[in-house]
Amino acid sequence: MRIDKWLSSVNVVKRRTVAQDMVKSGVVYLNGVQAKPSKDVKVGDRIRIDYLKGSKHYEVLQIPTTKTIPKSKKEEYVKEL
């Protein structure tokens, strides 16, 4: 699954267009390397997002099979480090 689609599917960001803009502007890193929008995410990957007030780190636990998941199930797909 593409990184921009994954970020929106697991409710890290609200919309996919926001995720695409974040990746294009260079604030999303996948395993320590600046990510491109088409980069695929795999189980076990680590994602870092640099916000203005600091950065957040995430670990991919599962890849969703549907377009979006319920917010109550977010912990099954992503772990905030």
N, C-alpha and C. Protein backbone atom coordinates (compact mmCIF):
# COMPACT_ATOMS: atom_id res chain seq x y z
N MET A 1 0.84 -1.17 0.00
CA MET A 1 0.00 0.00 0.00
C MET A 1 0.89 1.24 0.00
N ARG A 2 0.50 2.24 -0.78
CA ARG A 2 1.26 3.50 -0.85
C ARG A 2 1.25 4.20 0.51
N ILE A 3 2.33 4.92 0.80
CA ILE A 3 2.45 5.56 2.11
C ILE A 3 1.39 6.62 2.33
N ASP A 4 1.04 7.39 1.29
CA ASP A 4 0.02 8.42 1.47
C ASP A 4 -1.35 7.79 1.73
N LYS A 5 -1.64 6.70 1.07
CA LYS A 5 -2.92 6.00 1.28
C LYS A 5 -2.95 5.36 2.67
N TRP A 6 -1.82 4.80 3.11
CA TRP A 6 -1.76 4.17 4.42
C TRP A 6 -1.98 5.20 5.54
N LEU A 7 -1.34 6.37 5.41
CA LEU A 7 -1.49 7.41 6.43
C LEU A 7 -2.94 7.82 6.62
N SER A 8 -3.69 7.92 5.52
CA SER A 8 -5.09 8.31 5.64
C SER A 8 -5.97 7.13 6.05
N SER A 9 -5.64 5.92 5.62
CA SER A 9 -6.47 4.74 5.94
C SER A 9 -6.46 4.42 7.43
N VAL A 10 -5.32 4.58 8.09
CA VAL A 10 -5.22 4.24 9.51
C VAL A 10 -5.43 5.46 10.41
N ASN A 11 -5.94 6.53 9.85
CA ASN A 11 -6.34 7.73 10.59
C ASN A 11 -5.18 8.46 11.27
N VAL A 12 -4.00 8.42 10.65
CA VAL A 12 -2.89 9.25 11.14
C VAL A 12 -3.13 10.70 10.69
N VAL A 13 -3.59 10.87 9.44
CA VAL A 13 -4.03 12.17 8.94
C VAL A 13 -5.46 12.03 8.46
N LYS A 14 -6.19 13.15 8.38
CA LYS A 14 -7.62 13.08 8.08
C LYS A 14 -7.93 12.78 6.63
N ARG A 15 -7.17 13.34 5.70
CA ARG A 15 -7.48 13.16 4.28
C ARG A 15 -6.24 12.72 3.51
N ARG A 16 -6.49 11.99 2.43
CA ARG A 16 -5.36 11.51 1.62
C ARG A 16 -4.64 12.67 0.95
N THR A 17 -5.37 13.71 0.56
CA THR A 17 -4.71 14.86 -0.07
C THR A 17 -3.75 15.54 0.90
N VAL A 18 -4.11 15.56 2.17
CA VAL A 18 -3.21 16.12 3.19
C VAL A 18 -1.96 15.24 3.30
N ALA A 19 -2.15 13.92 3.28
CA ALA A 19 -1.02 13.00 3.34
C ALA A 19 -0.12 13.17 2.13
N GLN A 20 -0.71 13.32 0.94
CA GLN A 20 0.09 13.52 -0.27
C GLN A 20 0.90 14.81 -0.18
N ASP A 21 0.29 15.88 0.32
CA ASP A 21 1.00 17.15 0.47
C ASP A 21 2.15 17.03 1.46
N MET A 22 1.93 16.31 2.55
CA MET A 22 2.99 16.12 3.55
C MET A 22 4.17 15.36 2.97
N VAL A 23 3.87 14.31 2.21
CA VAL A 23 4.95 13.52 1.61
C VAL A 23 5.70 14.34 0.57
N LYS A 24 4.96 15.09 -0.26
CA LYS A 24 5.61 15.91 -1.29
C LYS A 24 6.47 17.02 -0.70
N SER A 25 6.05 17.55 0.45
CA SER A 25 6.82 18.64 1.06
C SER A 25 8.02 18.13 1.85
N GLY A 26 8.16 16.82 1.98
CA GLY A 26 9.38 16.26 2.56
C GLY A 26 9.39 16.13 4.06
N VAL A 27 8.24 16.03 4.71
CA VAL A 27 8.22 15.90 6.17
C VAL A 27 7.95 14.47 6.62
N VAL A 28 7.76 13.54 5.68
CA VAL A 28 7.49 12.14 6.02
C VAL A 28 8.72 11.30 5.67
N TYR A 29 9.17 10.50 6.64
CA TYR A 29 10.33 9.64 6.45
C TYR A 29 9.93 8.19 6.69
N LEU A 30 10.39 7.31 5.84
CA LEU A 30 10.12 5.88 5.95
C LEU A 30 11.43 5.17 6.20
N ASN A 31 11.58 4.59 7.38
CA ASN A 31 12.82 3.91 7.80
C ASN A 31 14.03 4.83 7.69
N GLY A 32 13.86 6.10 8.07
CA GLY A 32 14.96 7.06 8.08
C GLY A 32 15.25 7.73 6.76
N VAL A 33 14.53 7.38 5.70
CA VAL A 33 14.75 7.96 4.36
C VAL A 33 13.51 8.76 3.98
N GLN A 34 13.74 9.94 3.42
CA GLN A 34 12.61 10.77 3.00
C GLN A 34 11.76 10.01 1.99
N ALA A 35 10.46 9.95 2.27
CA ALA A 35 9.56 9.12 1.46
C ALA A 35 9.02 9.87 0.25
N LYS A 36 8.74 9.11 -0.80
CA LYS A 36 8.06 9.62 -1.98
C LYS A 36 6.62 9.12 -1.92
N PRO A 37 5.66 9.83 -2.56
CA PRO A 37 4.24 9.42 -2.44
C PRO A 37 3.96 7.99 -2.90
N SER A 38 4.73 7.47 -3.82
CA SER A 38 4.46 6.14 -4.36
C SER A 38 5.16 5.03 -3.57
N LYS A 39 5.89 5.36 -2.52
CA LYS A 39 6.64 4.36 -1.76
C LYS A 39 5.68 3.43 -1.03
N ASP A 40 5.93 2.13 -1.12
CA ASP A 40 5.08 1.13 -0.48
C ASP A 40 5.48 0.94 0.98
N VAL A 41 4.46 0.72 1.82
CA VAL A 41 4.64 0.48 3.24
C VAL A 41 4.48 -1.01 3.50
N LYS A 42 5.34 -1.56 4.35
CA LYS A 42 5.27 -2.98 4.71
C LYS A 42 5.18 -3.10 6.23
N VAL A 43 4.74 -4.23 6.71
CA VAL A 43 4.65 -4.48 8.15
C VAL A 43 6.05 -4.38 8.75
N GLY A 44 6.17 -3.65 9.85
CA GLY A 44 7.46 -3.48 10.52
C GLY A 44 8.18 -2.19 10.16
N ASP A 45 7.71 -1.48 9.13
CA ASP A 45 8.34 -0.22 8.74
C ASP A 45 8.10 0.83 9.82
N ARG A 46 9.05 1.76 9.92
CA ARG A 46 8.93 2.88 10.86
C ARG A 46 8.77 4.17 10.07
N ILE A 47 7.79 4.96 10.49
CA ILE A 47 7.47 6.21 9.81
C ILE A 47 7.66 7.35 10.79
N ARG A 48 8.33 8.40 10.33
CA ARG A 48 8.50 9.61 11.12
C ARG A 48 7.89 10.77 10.37
N ILE A 49 7.09 11.57 11.07
CA ILE A 49 6.49 12.76 10.49
C ILE A 49 6.98 13.95 11.28
N ASP A 50 7.62 14.89 10.60
CA ASP A 50 8.14 16.10 11.26
C ASP A 50 7.10 17.21 11.17
N TYR A 51 6.51 17.53 12.30
CA TYR A 51 5.57 18.65 12.40
C TYR A 51 6.34 19.88 12.85
N LEU A 52 5.70 21.03 12.84
CA LEU A 52 6.36 22.25 13.28
C LEU A 52 6.72 22.20 14.76
N LYS A 53 5.90 21.53 15.55
CA LYS A 53 6.13 21.48 17.00
C LYS A 53 6.88 20.23 17.44
N GLY A 54 7.42 19.48 16.52
CA GLY A 54 8.15 18.26 16.87
C GLY A 54 7.82 17.16 15.89
N SER A 55 8.33 15.99 16.16
CA SER A 55 8.09 14.87 15.24
C SER A 55 7.39 13.74 15.98
N LYS A 56 6.66 12.94 15.21
CA LYS A 56 5.99 11.76 15.74
C LYS A 56 6.51 10.54 15.00
N HIS A 57 6.65 9.46 15.72
CA HIS A 57 7.17 8.22 15.16
C HIS A 57 6.09 7.15 15.25
N TYR A 58 5.96 6.37 14.18
CA TYR A 58 4.96 5.32 14.11
C TYR A 58 5.60 4.03 13.61
N GLU A 59 5.02 2.90 14.00
CA GLU A 59 5.43 1.60 13.48
C GLU A 59 4.22 0.95 12.84
N VAL A 60 4.43 0.38 11.65
CA VAL A 60 3.36 -0.28 10.91
C VAL A 60 3.17 -1.68 11.47
N LEU A 61 1.96 -1.98 11.97
CA LEU A 61 1.66 -3.29 12.52
C LEU A 61 0.90 -4.16 11.52
N GLN A 62 0.01 -3.55 10.74
CA GLN A 62 -0.78 -4.26 9.74
C GLN A 62 -1.05 -3.33 8.58
N ILE A 63 -1.38 -3.94 7.44
CA ILE A 63 -1.80 -3.18 6.26
C ILE A 63 -3.31 -3.36 6.13
N PRO A 64 -4.10 -2.28 6.16
CA PRO A 64 -5.55 -2.44 6.05
C PRO A 64 -5.97 -2.93 4.66
N THR A 65 -7.03 -3.73 4.64
CA THR A 65 -7.55 -4.23 3.37
C THR A 65 -8.69 -3.38 2.85
N THR A 66 -9.22 -2.49 3.68
CA THR A 66 -10.31 -1.61 3.26
C THR A 66 -9.78 -0.18 3.13
N LYS A 67 -10.61 0.69 2.57
CA LYS A 67 -10.20 2.07 2.34
C LYS A 67 -9.92 2.80 3.65
N THR A 68 -10.77 2.62 4.64
CA THR A 68 -10.56 3.22 5.95
C THR A 68 -10.90 2.20 7.02
N ILE A 69 -10.36 2.44 8.20
CA ILE A 69 -10.67 1.56 9.34
C ILE A 69 -11.35 2.41 10.40
N PRO A 70 -12.10 1.79 11.29
CA PRO A 70 -12.69 2.56 12.40
C PRO A 70 -11.61 3.08 13.33
N LYS A 71 -11.83 4.26 13.89
CA LYS A 71 -10.83 4.84 14.79
C LYS A 71 -10.57 3.96 16.00
N SER A 72 -11.56 3.18 16.39
CA SER A 72 -11.39 2.29 17.55
C SER A 72 -10.40 1.15 17.27
N LYS A 73 -10.14 0.85 16.01
CA LYS A 73 -9.23 -0.24 15.65
C LYS A 73 -7.85 0.27 15.22
N LYS A 74 -7.58 1.55 15.41
CA LYS A 74 -6.31 2.14 14.96
C LYS A 74 -5.10 1.45 15.61
N GLU A 75 -5.22 1.03 16.88
CA GLU A 75 -4.10 0.41 17.59
C GLU A 75 -3.68 -0.93 16.97
N GLU A 76 -4.56 -1.56 16.21
CA GLU A 76 -4.22 -2.83 15.55
C GLU A 76 -3.33 -2.62 14.33
N TYR A 77 -3.35 -1.42 13.76
CA TYR A 77 -2.64 -1.15 12.52
C TYR A 77 -1.40 -0.31 12.69
N VAL A 78 -1.38 0.55 13.71
CA VAL A 78 -0.24 1.45 13.89
C VAL A 78 0.06 1.60 15.38
N LYS A 79 1.36 1.68 15.70
CA LYS A 79 1.78 1.91 17.08
C LYS A 79 2.59 3.19 17.10
N GLU A 80 2.19 4.11 17.97
CA GLU A 80 2.94 5.36 18.11
C GLU A 80 4.10 5.12 19.07
N LEU A 81 5.29 5.48 18.64
CA LEU A 81 6.50 5.25 19.45
C LEU A 81 6.89 6.48 20.23
